[in-house]
C-alpha atoms as a PDB file:
ATOM      1  CA  MET A   1      43.915 -18.776  29.735  1.00  0.00           C
ATOM      2  CA  LYS A   2      42.051 -20.922  27.217  1.00  0.00           C
ATOM      3  CA  SER A   3      39.027 -21.297  29.522  1.00  0.00           C
ATOM      4  CA  THR A   4      38.919 -17.509  30.103  1.00  0.00           C
ATOM      5  CA  VAL A   5      38.819 -16.867  26.328  1.00  0.00           C
ATOM      6  CA  ILE A   6      36.043 -19.440  25.923  1.00  0.00           C
ATOM      7  CA  LEU A   7      34.090 -17.914  28.822  1.00  0.00           C
ATOM      8  CA  PHE A   8      34.353 -14.382  27.356  1.00  0.00           C
ATOM      9  CA  SER A   9      33.372 -15.707  23.913  1.00  0.00           C
ATOM     10  CA  VAL A  10      30.288 -17.394  25.354  1.00  0.00           C
ATOM     11  CA  LEU A  11      29.318 -14.254  27.307  1.00  0.00           C
ATOM     12  CA  PHE A  12      29.786 -12.126  24.210  1.00  0.00           C
ATOM     13  CA  LEU A  13      27.595 -14.420  22.099  1.00  0.00           C
ATOM     14  CA  ILE A  14      24.886 -14.460  24.771  1.00  0.00           C
ATOM     15  CA  SER A  15      24.889 -10.656  25.022  1.00  0.00           C
ATOM     16  CA  VAL A  16      24.750 -10.220  21.225  1.00  0.00           C
ATOM     17  CA  LEU A  17      22.021 -12.794  20.742  1.00  0.00           C
ATOM     18  CA  CYS A  18      19.829 -12.075  23.771  1.00  0.00           C
ATOM     19  CA  PHE A  19      19.715  -8.299  24.128  1.00  0.00           C
ATOM     20  CA  PRO A  20      18.499  -7.510  20.583  1.00  0.00           C
ATOM     21  CA  LEU A  21      15.813 -10.168  21.017  1.00  0.00           C
ATOM     22  CA  GLN A  22      14.603  -8.522  24.198  1.00  0.00           C
ATOM     23  CA  ALA A  23      14.333  -5.172  22.434  1.00  0.00           C
ATOM     24  CA  ALA A  24      12.443  -6.766  19.542  1.00  0.00           C
ATOM     25  CA  GLU A  25      10.008  -8.437  21.925  1.00  0.00           C
ATOM     26  CA  LYS A  26       9.199  -5.069  23.549  1.00  0.00           C
ATOM     27  CA  ALA A  27       8.635  -3.228  20.233  1.00  0.00           C
ATOM     28  CA  LYS A  28       4.974  -2.607  19.506  1.00  0.00           C
ATOM     29  CA  PRO A  29       3.579  -3.431  16.071  1.00  0.00           C
ATOM     30  CA  ALA A  30       2.443  -0.645  13.781  1.00  0.00           C
ATOM     31  CA  GLU A  31      -1.019   0.664  14.516  1.00  0.00           C
ATOM     32  CA  SER A  32      -3.295   0.968  11.521  1.00  0.00           C
ATOM     33  CA  ARG A  33      -6.942   1.560  10.870  1.00  0.00           C
ATOM     34  CA  VAL A  34      -8.956   1.231   7.697  1.00  0.00           C
ATOM     35  CA  ILE A  35     -10.838   4.326   6.602  1.00  0.00           C
ATOM     36  CA  GLN A  36     -14.313   3.097   5.752  1.00  0.00           C
ATOM     37  CA  GLY A  37     -15.370   3.733   2.142  1.00  0.00           C
ATOM     38  CA  GLU A  38     -11.931   4.736   0.835  1.00  0.00           C
ATOM     39  CA  PHE A  39      -9.841   2.637  -1.560  1.00  0.00           C
ATOM     40  CA  LEU A  40      -6.626   2.710  -3.576  1.00  0.00           C
ATOM     41  CA  VAL A  41      -7.055   1.159  -7.027  1.00  0.00           C
ATOM     42  CA  LEU A  42      -4.274   0.112  -9.409  1.00  0.00           C
ATOM     43  CA  PHE A  43      -4.824  -0.811 -13.054  1.00  0.00           C
ATOM     44  CA  PRO A  44      -2.381  -3.021 -14.995  1.00  0.00           C
ATOM     45  CA  GLU A  45       0.424  -1.570 -17.076  1.00  0.00           C
ATOM     46  CA  ARG A  46      -0.544  -0.256 -20.500  1.00  0.00           C
ATOM     47  CA  GLN A  47       2.335  -0.656 -22.959  1.00  0.00           C
ATOM     48  CA  ALA A  48       0.561   1.700 -25.373  1.00  0.00           C
ATOM     49  CA  VAL A  49       1.334   4.557 -22.970  1.00  0.00           C
ATOM     50  CA  LEU A  50       4.946   3.584 -22.381  1.00  0.00           C
ATOM     51  CA  VAL A  51       5.935   3.720 -26.057  1.00  0.00           C
ATOM     52  CA  PHE A  52       5.614   7.513 -25.958  1.00  0.00           C
ATOM     53  CA  GLU A  53       8.073  10.009 -24.476  1.00  0.00           C
ATOM     54  CA  GLY A  54       7.738  13.523 -23.084  1.00  0.00           C
ATOM     55  CA  LYS A  55       4.557  15.476 -23.824  1.00  0.00           C
ATOM     56  CA  GLU A  56       3.119  12.623 -25.885  1.00  0.00           C
ATOM     57  CA  ARG A  57       3.402  10.254 -22.912  1.00  0.00           C
ATOM     58  CA  ALA A  58       1.771  12.831 -20.630  1.00  0.00           C
ATOM     59  CA  ALA A  59      -1.119  13.168 -23.083  1.00  0.00           C
ATOM     60  CA  ALA A  60      -1.491   9.395 -23.484  1.00  0.00           C
ATOM     61  CA  THR A  61      -1.450   8.995 -19.691  1.00  0.00           C
ATOM     62  CA  ALA A  62      -4.140  11.652 -19.278  1.00  0.00           C
ATOM     63  CA  VAL A  63      -6.397   9.858 -21.779  1.00  0.00           C
ATOM     64  CA  MET A  64      -5.770   6.507 -20.077  1.00  0.00           C
ATOM     65  CA  LEU A  65      -6.561   7.954 -16.635  1.00  0.00           C
ATOM     66  CA  ASP A  66      -9.753   9.594 -17.908  1.00  0.00           C
ATOM     67  CA  MET A  67     -10.978   6.304 -19.361  1.00  0.00           C
ATOM     68  CA  GLN A  68     -10.094   4.312 -16.237  1.00  0.00           C
ATOM     69  CA  ALA A  69     -11.708   6.911 -13.933  1.00  0.00           C
ATOM     70  CA  GLU A  70     -14.899   6.779 -15.994  1.00  0.00           C
ATOM     71  CA  TYR A  71     -14.843   2.965 -15.819  1.00  0.00           C
ATOM     72  CA  LEU A  72     -14.625   3.098 -12.008  1.00  0.00           C
ATOM     73  CA  LYS A  73     -17.468   5.615 -11.779  1.00  0.00           C
ATOM     74  CA  VAL A  74     -19.803   3.727 -14.111  1.00  0.00           C
ATOM     75  CA  ARG A  75     -18.995   0.158 -13.031  1.00  0.00           C
ATOM     76  CA  TYR A  76     -18.720   0.653  -9.260  1.00  0.00           C
ATOM     77  CA  GLY A  77     -20.371   3.995  -8.514  1.00  0.00           C
ATOM     78  CA  VAL A  78     -17.300   5.368  -6.771  1.00  0.00           C
ATOM     79  CA  SER A  79     -16.017   8.926  -6.813  1.00  0.00           C
ATOM     80  CA  VAL A  80     -12.457   9.427  -8.028  1.00  0.00           C
ATOM     81  CA  GLU A  81     -10.879  11.794  -5.511  1.00  0.00           C
ATOM     82  CA  ASN A  82      -7.315  11.721  -6.832  1.00  0.00           C
ATOM     83  CA  THR A  83      -5.213  10.265  -9.614  1.00  0.00           C
ATOM     84  CA  PHE A  84      -1.509   9.656  -9.218  1.00  0.00           C
ATOM     85  CA  SER A  85      -0.490  10.906 -12.641  1.00  0.00           C
ATOM     86  CA  ALA A  86       3.266  10.979 -12.002  1.00  0.00           C
ATOM     87  CA  ILE A  87       3.229   7.306 -10.991  1.00  0.00           C
ATOM     88  CA  SER A  88       0.927   6.478 -13.900  1.00  0.00           C
ATOM     89  CA  GLU A  89       3.113   8.313 -16.404  1.00  0.00           C
ATOM     90  CA  THR A  90       6.235   6.533 -15.165  1.00  0.00           C
ATOM     91  CA  THR A  91       4.810   3.009 -14.872  1.00  0.00           C
ATOM     92  CA  GLY A  92       1.949   2.990 -17.369  1.00  0.00           C
ATOM     93  CA  LYS A  93      -0.366   1.872 -14.555  1.00  0.00           C
ATOM     94  CA  GLY A  94      -3.435   3.901 -13.635  1.00  0.00           C
ATOM     95  CA  MET A  95      -3.546   4.586  -9.895  1.00  0.00           C
ATOM     96  CA  PHE A  96      -6.537   6.143  -8.138  1.00  0.00           C
ATOM     97  CA  PHE A  97      -7.808   7.146  -4.730  1.00  0.00           C
ATOM     98  CA  VAL A  98     -11.574   6.555  -4.737  1.00  0.00           C
ATOM     99  CA  THR A  99     -14.422   6.869  -2.232  1.00  0.00           C
ATOM    100  CA  CYS A 100     -17.873   5.340  -1.962  1.00  0.00           C
ATOM    101  CA  GLU A 101     -20.518   6.969   0.225  1.00  0.00           C
ATOM    102  CA  LYS A 102     -22.516   3.731   0.597  1.00  0.00           C
ATOM    103  CA  ALA A 103     -19.417   1.823   1.730  1.00  0.00           C
ATOM    104  CA  LYS A 104     -18.747   4.505   4.364  1.00  0.00           C
ATOM    105  CA  GLU A 105     -22.033   3.577   6.017  1.00  0.00           C
ATOM    106  CA  SER A 106     -21.839  -0.236   5.859  1.00  0.00           C
ATOM    107  CA  VAL A 107     -19.052  -2.749   6.431  1.00  0.00           C
ATOM    108  CA  GLU A 108     -20.957  -5.295   4.288  1.00  0.00           C
ATOM    109  CA  ILE A 109     -21.047  -2.908   1.322  1.00  0.00           C
ATOM    110  CA  GLN A 110     -17.352  -2.094   1.889  1.00  0.00           C
ATOM    111  CA  GLU A 111     -16.414  -5.790   1.783  1.00  0.00           C
ATOM    112  CA  LYS A 112     -18.626  -6.529  -1.262  1.00  0.00           C
ATOM    113  CA  LEU A 113     -17.221  -3.567  -3.197  1.00  0.00           C
ATOM    114  CA  LEU A 114     -13.674  -4.541  -2.274  1.00  0.00           C
ATOM    115  CA  GLY A 115     -14.294  -8.142  -3.381  1.00  0.00           C
ATOM    116  CA  ASP A 116     -15.956  -7.091  -6.637  1.00  0.00           C
ATOM    117  CA  MET A 117     -13.104  -4.751  -7.569  1.00  0.00           C
ATOM    118  CA  ARG A 118     -10.485  -7.372  -6.650  1.00  0.00           C
ATOM    119  CA  ALA A 119     -12.244  -9.905  -8.908  1.00  0.00           C
ATOM    120  CA  ASP A 120     -12.348  -7.465 -11.839  1.00  0.00           C
ATOM    121  CA  PRO A 121      -9.939  -8.615 -14.593  1.00  0.00           C
ATOM    122  CA  PHE A 122      -9.335  -4.977 -15.634  1.00  0.00           C
ATOM    123  CA  ILE A 123      -8.018  -4.051 -12.169  1.00  0.00           C
ATOM    124  CA  GLU A 124      -4.625  -5.245 -10.932  1.00  0.00           C
ATOM    125  CA  ALA A 125      -4.983  -4.460  -7.223  1.00  0.00           C
ATOM    126  CA  VAL A 126      -7.306  -2.795  -4.728  1.00  0.00           C
ATOM    127  CA  SER A 127      -6.757  -2.060  -1.068  1.00  0.00           C
ATOM    128  CA  PRO A 128      -8.745  -0.195   1.531  1.00  0.00           C
ATOM    129  CA  ASN A 129      -7.184   3.104   2.532  1.00  0.00           C
ATOM    130  CA  GLU A 130      -5.309   2.691   5.815  1.00  0.00           C
ATOM    131  CA  VAL A 131      -3.782   5.154   8.215  1.00  0.00           C
ATOM    132  CA  ARG A 132      -0.630   3.907   9.911  1.00  0.00           C
ATOM    133  CA  LYS A 133       0.696   5.647  12.995  1.00  0.00           C
ATOM    134  CA  MET A 134       4.252   4.241  13.006  1.00  0.00           C
ATOM    135  CA  ILE A 135       6.165   1.310  11.651  1.00  0.00           C
ATOM    136  CA  SER A 136       7.226   0.480  15.191  1.00  0.00           C
ATOM    137  CA  VAL A 137       7.577   2.169  18.511  1.00  0.00           C
ATOM    138  CA  PRO A 138      11.186   2.464  19.668  1.00  0.00           C
ATOM    139  CA  VAL A 139      12.045   0.941  23.018  1.00  0.00           C
ATOM    140  CA  LYS A 140      14.115   3.082  25.364  1.00  0.00           C
ATOM    141  CA  PRO A 141      17.049   1.230  26.898  1.00  0.00           C
ATOM    142  CA  GLN A 142      16.743   0.744  30.634  1.00  0.00           C
END
C-alpha cells in the first residue's frame, strides 16, 4: 500500500512538472518589429504641474506639453504626432509620439537620434515605436 502511494505521488509530480514545461517550450515568443523613424518619448515628472487640481492642472499640463513639444522640434527636428495628455496630467510626465523623416530613410540616423535623445538629461526615456503581434502564441493540446 505504501509503495503504491509513493508511486502515484511520483507520477503526479512528474505529470505536474513535465507537461507545463512542454507547453512552455512550444510557445512562440512575441513577434515585434520596430517602425523606422517613430519614437515614444517620456519626460521626467514635473512637480509644478502636480500641485494643481482640476482645470488648473489641465492648463498647467497643456503649457508643459507645449514647451516640451517645442523642445523636441527645435532640438531634434522631429514632428510631434501625438501627446498623451491624460497620462501627462495624471503623472506630471510629458509623453509624446514623434516621427523623423530622415530616420525613416536611414538606420544610422535612427540609431544616432535614439542615442542622442537617450543621452539628453531633460528626457527620462525614449524607445522606438514597436508593433507587437501577440504576447505569445497558445499551444493546442494534442
